[in-house]
Amino acid sequence: MGTRNAVTFLTAIAALAAFVGCAQPVRQLTTQQKEYLAMFEEDVITTDAGDLKITFVGHGTLMFAFGGKTIHVDPVSAEGDYSKMPKGDLILVTHEHGDHLDPAAIDAVRKDGTTVVAAAKCAPRLPDAIVMKNGDTRTVDGLKIEAVPAYNVVHERSPGQPFHPRGVGNGYIIAFGDKRVYIAGDTENIPEMKALKNIDVAFLPMNLPYTMTPEMVADAARAFRPAILYPYHFGETDTSQLVRLLADETDIDVRIRDMK
């Protein structure tokens, strides 16, 4: 082999090695997991660090796949059979209510090395969880996570007793590559939400009497302007109302998925 050919060959090998080294890890699923996940809607969001796959499990329950990792958000047995779901590398729990915190579902998707992040009031039932409070920021499994406020101002269980008191529950902002994904948890259109910046994907709850009306969701979206807005946790709320309210906001892509 001549010198020029040898240099060309070595350059090609180096380029291939660099490409392989930069390639995103692939999450391996069993046949059963693939068949089970096929029953749920999925979207793919492009980031500068690879694709983010979103699985819409139901109500306030989501699953993300990114960089070879699986992230479960508020896994609850009423929304899915977690014995058939991929094990989680990271599990996020927004607050302690039973439609968001289900230790049995969490146990079903645990494996060696699973990290659980939760609000403080979840800790008695999740003793090994990393507790984050409103305003905390930390990097977990290579993902930057911000815990943000989630609470009621208007809707109350009884006078002076909001369904979700200030300072108890979390919303989470997760950085997937260059995309910031906001999972609001159970909340209203609070000032802290309306002050958010640079949100690419937002999940906002929309059911009464616990969270927001379509008008409240639209008000929040007009303030912080997510590129993509998914109403979730919406029960029997007519999601077409939100679509109509934001019809003139052409820079906000309202996407309706099966998240009753």
Protein backbone atom coordinates (compact mmCIF):
# COMPACT_ATOMS: atom_id res chain seq x y z
CA MET A 1 0.00 0.00 0.00
CA GLY A 2 1.46 3.38 -1.00
CA THR A 3 1.94 6.15 1.50
CA ARG A 4 -0.94 8.21 0.10
CA ASN A 5 -3.30 5.21 0.17
CA ALA A 6 -2.21 4.34 3.70
CA VAL A 7 -2.93 7.88 4.90
CA THR A 8 -6.33 7.85 3.18
CA PHE A 9 -7.15 4.47 4.73
CA LEU A 10 -6.15 5.60 8.24
CA THR A 11 -8.13 8.82 7.85
CA ALA A 12 -11.22 6.85 6.87
CA ILE A 13 -10.80 4.54 9.87
CA ALA A 14 -10.45 7.52 12.21
CA ALA A 15 -13.58 9.14 10.76
CA LEU A 16 -15.53 5.92 11.17
CA ALA A 17 -14.39 5.58 14.78
CA ALA A 18 -15.43 9.16 15.49
CA PHE A 19 -18.83 8.53 13.95
CA VAL A 20 -19.37 5.39 15.98
CA GLY A 21 -18.25 7.15 19.12
CA CYS A 22 -20.79 9.93 18.56
CA ALA A 23 -23.66 7.64 17.66
CA GLN A 24 -26.55 7.62 20.11
CA PRO A 25 -27.03 4.47 22.21
CA VAL A 26 -30.07 2.48 21.15
CA ARG A 27 -32.64 1.42 23.73
CA GLN A 28 -33.19 -2.33 23.43
CA LEU A 29 -36.81 -3.49 23.77
CA THR A 30 -38.16 -7.01 24.04
CA THR A 31 -40.81 -8.25 21.63
CA GLN A 32 -43.39 -8.07 24.43
CA GLN A 33 -42.46 -4.46 25.20
CA LYS A 34 -42.67 -3.46 21.54
CA GLU A 35 -46.08 -5.10 21.17
CA TYR A 36 -47.39 -3.48 24.34
CA LEU A 37 -46.06 0.00 23.54
CA ALA A 38 -47.73 -0.17 20.13
CA MET A 39 -51.07 0.52 21.84
CA PHE A 40 -49.96 4.02 22.89
CA GLU A 41 -49.51 7.12 20.77
CA GLU A 42 -45.92 8.28 20.27
CA ASP A 43 -44.28 11.44 18.95
CA VAL A 44 -40.65 12.05 18.08
CA ILE A 45 -38.96 15.40 18.75
CA THR A 46 -35.64 16.11 17.03
CA THR A 47 -32.84 17.46 19.22
CA ASP A 48 -29.19 18.21 18.56
CA ALA A 49 -28.29 15.14 20.62
CA GLY A 50 -30.59 12.66 18.93
CA ASP A 51 -34.31 11.94 18.82
CA LEU A 52 -36.56 12.25 21.84
CA LYS A 53 -39.43 9.76 21.72
CA ILE A 54 -42.51 10.59 23.78
CA THR A 55 -44.99 7.87 24.73
CA PHE A 56 -48.38 9.15 25.88
CA VAL A 57 -49.40 6.57 28.49
CA GLY A 58 -52.44 8.37 29.91
CA HIS A 59 -53.69 11.05 32.32
CA GLY A 60 -50.52 12.54 33.87
CA THR A 61 -48.30 9.60 32.92
CA LEU A 62 -45.60 9.83 30.26
CA MET A 63 -42.53 7.95 29.10
CA PHE A 64 -39.52 9.38 27.28
CA ALA A 65 -36.77 7.56 25.41
CA PHE A 66 -33.57 9.51 24.78
CA GLY A 67 -29.93 8.60 24.33
CA GLY A 68 -30.59 4.93 25.03
CA LYS A 69 -32.30 5.76 28.33
CA THR A 70 -35.91 5.39 29.46
CA ILE A 71 -37.48 8.11 31.61
CA HIS A 72 -40.84 7.49 33.29
CA VAL A 73 -42.94 10.40 34.54
CA ASP A 74 -45.55 9.69 37.24
CA PRO A 75 -45.89 5.98 36.40
CA VAL A 76 -49.27 4.74 37.65
CA SER A 77 -50.64 1.21 37.32
CA ALA A 78 -54.11 2.49 36.41
CA GLU A 79 -52.66 3.93 33.19
CA GLY A 80 -50.46 1.05 32.03
CA ASP A 81 -49.22 -2.45 32.76
CA TYR A 82 -45.73 -1.67 33.96
CA SER A 83 -44.74 -5.33 33.95
CA LYS A 84 -44.72 -4.96 30.15
CA MET A 85 -42.97 -1.59 30.03
CA PRO A 86 -39.25 -0.90 29.66
CA LYS A 87 -37.32 -0.56 32.89
CA GLY A 88 -36.56 3.02 33.83
CA ASP A 89 -33.17 4.65 34.05
CA LEU A 90 -34.84 7.69 35.59
CA ILE A 91 -38.28 8.07 37.23
CA LEU A 92 -39.77 11.49 37.99
CA VAL A 93 -42.66 11.95 40.43
CA THR A 94 -44.37 15.35 40.56
CA HIS A 95 -46.35 14.98 43.81
CA GLU A 96 -47.89 12.62 46.31
CA HIS A 97 -51.45 12.17 45.00
CA GLY A 98 -52.38 8.61 44.05
CA ASP A 99 -52.85 9.37 40.37
CA HIS A 100 -49.20 10.46 40.23
CA LEU A 101 -47.40 8.47 42.94
CA ASP A 102 -47.76 4.68 42.71
CA PRO A 103 -44.95 2.79 44.45
CA ALA A 104 -46.09 -0.51 42.89
CA ALA A 105 -45.68 0.88 39.37
CA ILE A 106 -42.31 2.36 40.32
CA ASP A 107 -41.14 -0.98 41.70
CA ALA A 108 -42.24 -2.67 38.45
CA VAL A 109 -39.93 -0.50 36.33
CA ARG A 110 -36.98 -0.33 38.69
CA LYS A 111 -33.70 -2.00 37.86
CA ASP A 112 -30.22 -1.81 39.31
CA GLY A 113 -29.15 1.79 39.00
CA THR A 114 -32.59 3.35 38.51
CA THR A 115 -32.73 6.90 39.86
CA VAL A 116 -35.98 8.24 41.31
CA VAL A 117 -36.51 11.99 41.64
CA ALA A 118 -39.52 13.20 43.60
CA ALA A 119 -41.06 16.02 45.58
CA ALA A 120 -40.39 15.98 49.32
CA LYS A 121 -43.87 14.84 50.31
CA CYS A 122 -43.32 11.64 48.29
CA ALA A 123 -40.22 10.71 50.31
CA PRO A 124 -41.96 8.64 53.03
CA ARG A 125 -43.15 6.24 50.32
CA LEU A 126 -39.98 6.51 48.23
CA PRO A 127 -37.20 6.44 50.83
CA ASP A 128 -34.36 6.18 48.29
CA ALA A 129 -35.57 9.03 46.06
CA ILE A 130 -33.57 12.14 45.33
CA VAL A 131 -35.74 14.92 46.73
CA MET A 132 -36.02 18.11 44.72
CA LYS A 133 -37.91 21.18 45.85
CA ASN A 134 -39.14 24.16 43.87
CA GLY A 135 -36.14 26.07 42.54
CA ASP A 136 -33.68 23.18 42.67
CA THR A 137 -31.57 22.30 39.63
CA ARG A 138 -29.42 19.22 39.29
CA THR A 139 -28.03 16.90 36.65
CA VAL A 140 -29.25 13.31 36.89
CA ASP A 141 -28.12 10.57 34.49
CA GLY A 142 -26.69 13.26 32.24
CA LEU A 143 -29.95 15.23 32.06
CA LYS A 144 -30.32 18.71 33.53
CA ILE A 145 -33.52 18.84 35.58
CA GLU A 146 -35.14 21.93 37.09
CA ALA A 147 -37.90 21.61 39.69
CA VAL A 148 -40.42 24.43 39.34
CA PRO A 149 -43.54 25.40 41.31
CA ALA A 150 -46.88 23.67 40.76
CA TYR A 151 -49.88 24.81 42.81
CA ASN A 152 -53.45 26.11 42.84
CA VAL A 153 -54.50 29.69 43.40
CA VAL A 154 -58.19 29.53 42.44
CA HIS A 155 -59.34 25.94 42.85
CA GLU A 156 -59.76 24.75 46.42
CA ARG A 157 -60.80 21.58 48.20
CA SER A 158 -62.43 23.78 50.82
CA PRO A 159 -62.03 27.48 51.70
CA GLY A 160 -58.35 28.15 52.25
CA GLN A 161 -57.35 24.60 51.25
CA PRO A 162 -56.16 24.44 47.63
CA PHE A 163 -56.06 21.06 45.93
CA HIS A 164 -52.33 21.56 45.43
CA PRO A 165 -50.74 23.90 47.98
CA ARG A 166 -47.83 26.14 47.09
CA GLY A 167 -44.40 24.60 47.66
CA VAL A 168 -45.51 20.96 47.81
CA GLY A 169 -45.58 19.62 44.24
CA ASN A 170 -43.06 20.00 41.45
CA GLY A 171 -43.18 20.65 37.79
CA TYR A 172 -40.01 19.61 35.94
CA ILE A 173 -38.04 21.13 33.08
CA ILE A 174 -35.74 18.59 31.47
CA ALA A 175 -33.06 19.45 28.92
CA PHE A 176 -32.91 16.85 26.17
CA GLY A 177 -30.03 18.12 24.07
CA ASP A 178 -31.05 21.60 22.90
CA LYS A 179 -34.75 21.06 23.68
CA ARG A 180 -36.31 22.10 27.00
CA VAL A 181 -39.33 20.02 27.95
CA TYR A 182 -41.68 21.29 30.66
CA ILE A 183 -43.90 18.84 32.54
CA ALA A 184 -46.12 21.07 34.64
CA GLY A 185 -47.58 18.58 37.11
CA ASP A 186 -50.84 19.57 38.81
CA THR A 187 -51.00 23.34 38.73
CA GLU A 188 -52.78 26.42 37.50
CA ASN A 189 -51.48 29.24 35.29
CA ILE A 190 -49.35 30.59 38.10
CA PRO A 191 -46.96 33.55 37.72
CA GLU A 192 -43.89 31.28 37.84
CA MET A 193 -45.22 29.31 34.86
CA LYS A 194 -46.02 32.43 32.86
CA ALA A 195 -42.48 33.70 33.45
CA LEU A 196 -40.78 30.63 31.94
CA LYS A 197 -38.46 31.17 28.97
CA ASN A 198 -37.26 29.06 26.07
CA ILE A 199 -39.65 26.13 26.48
CA ASP A 200 -39.73 23.93 23.40
CA VAL A 201 -42.30 21.37 24.55
CA ALA A 202 -44.87 21.87 27.32
CA PHE A 203 -47.29 19.48 29.00
CA LEU A 204 -50.03 21.47 30.74
CA PRO A 205 -52.84 19.91 32.83
CA MET A 206 -56.41 20.82 31.96
CA ASN A 207 -59.14 19.38 34.14
CA LEU A 208 -61.51 20.78 36.74
CA PRO A 209 -61.65 21.22 39.59
CA TYR A 210 -58.05 20.16 40.15
CA THR A 211 -55.96 22.07 37.62
CA MET A 212 -56.76 24.43 34.72
CA THR A 213 -59.61 25.34 32.43
CA PRO A 214 -58.84 25.63 28.69
CA GLU A 215 -58.87 29.40 29.17
CA MET A 216 -56.19 29.15 31.87
CA VAL A 217 -54.02 26.91 29.70
CA ALA A 218 -54.37 29.33 26.78
CA ASP A 219 -53.47 32.26 29.05
CA ALA A 220 -50.31 30.50 30.23
CA ALA A 221 -49.32 29.44 26.73
CA ARG A 222 -49.66 32.98 25.39
CA ALA A 223 -47.34 34.15 28.18
CA PHE A 224 -44.44 31.67 27.90
CA ARG A 225 -45.07 30.55 24.30
CA PRO A 226 -43.94 26.93 24.04
CA ALA A 227 -43.17 25.80 20.51
CA ILE A 228 -45.25 22.65 21.08
CA LEU A 229 -48.09 22.42 23.59
CA TYR A 230 -49.61 19.14 24.74
CA PRO A 231 -52.59 19.40 27.08
CA TYR A 232 -52.51 16.40 29.38
CA HIS A 233 -54.30 15.18 32.53
CA PHE A 234 -57.49 16.47 30.87
CA GLY A 235 -60.14 13.89 31.77
CA GLU A 236 -63.40 14.76 30.04
CA THR A 237 -62.39 18.34 29.21
CA ASP A 238 -63.17 19.29 25.61
CA THR A 239 -59.68 19.77 24.18
CA SER A 240 -61.10 21.41 21.04
CA GLN A 241 -61.76 24.48 23.21
CA LEU A 242 -58.02 24.94 23.67
CA VAL A 243 -57.40 24.49 19.96
CA ARG A 244 -59.95 27.24 19.22
CA LEU A 245 -58.56 29.57 21.87
CA LEU A 246 -55.03 29.33 20.43
CA ALA A 247 -56.00 29.17 16.75
CA ASP A 248 -54.45 32.58 16.05
CA GLU A 249 -51.17 31.74 17.84
CA THR A 250 -49.46 30.28 14.81
CA ASP A 251 -46.12 29.85 16.59
CA ILE A 252 -47.66 27.51 19.21
CA ASP A 253 -48.29 24.02 17.85
CA VAL A 254 -51.16 22.58 19.92
CA ARG A 255 -51.10 18.79 19.75
CA ILE A 256 -53.92 16.69 21.15
CA ARG A 257 -53.03 13.17 22.18
CA ASP A 258 -54.94 10.51 24.15
CA MET A 259 -54.20 11.69 27.69
CA LYS A 260 -57.54 11.54 29.51
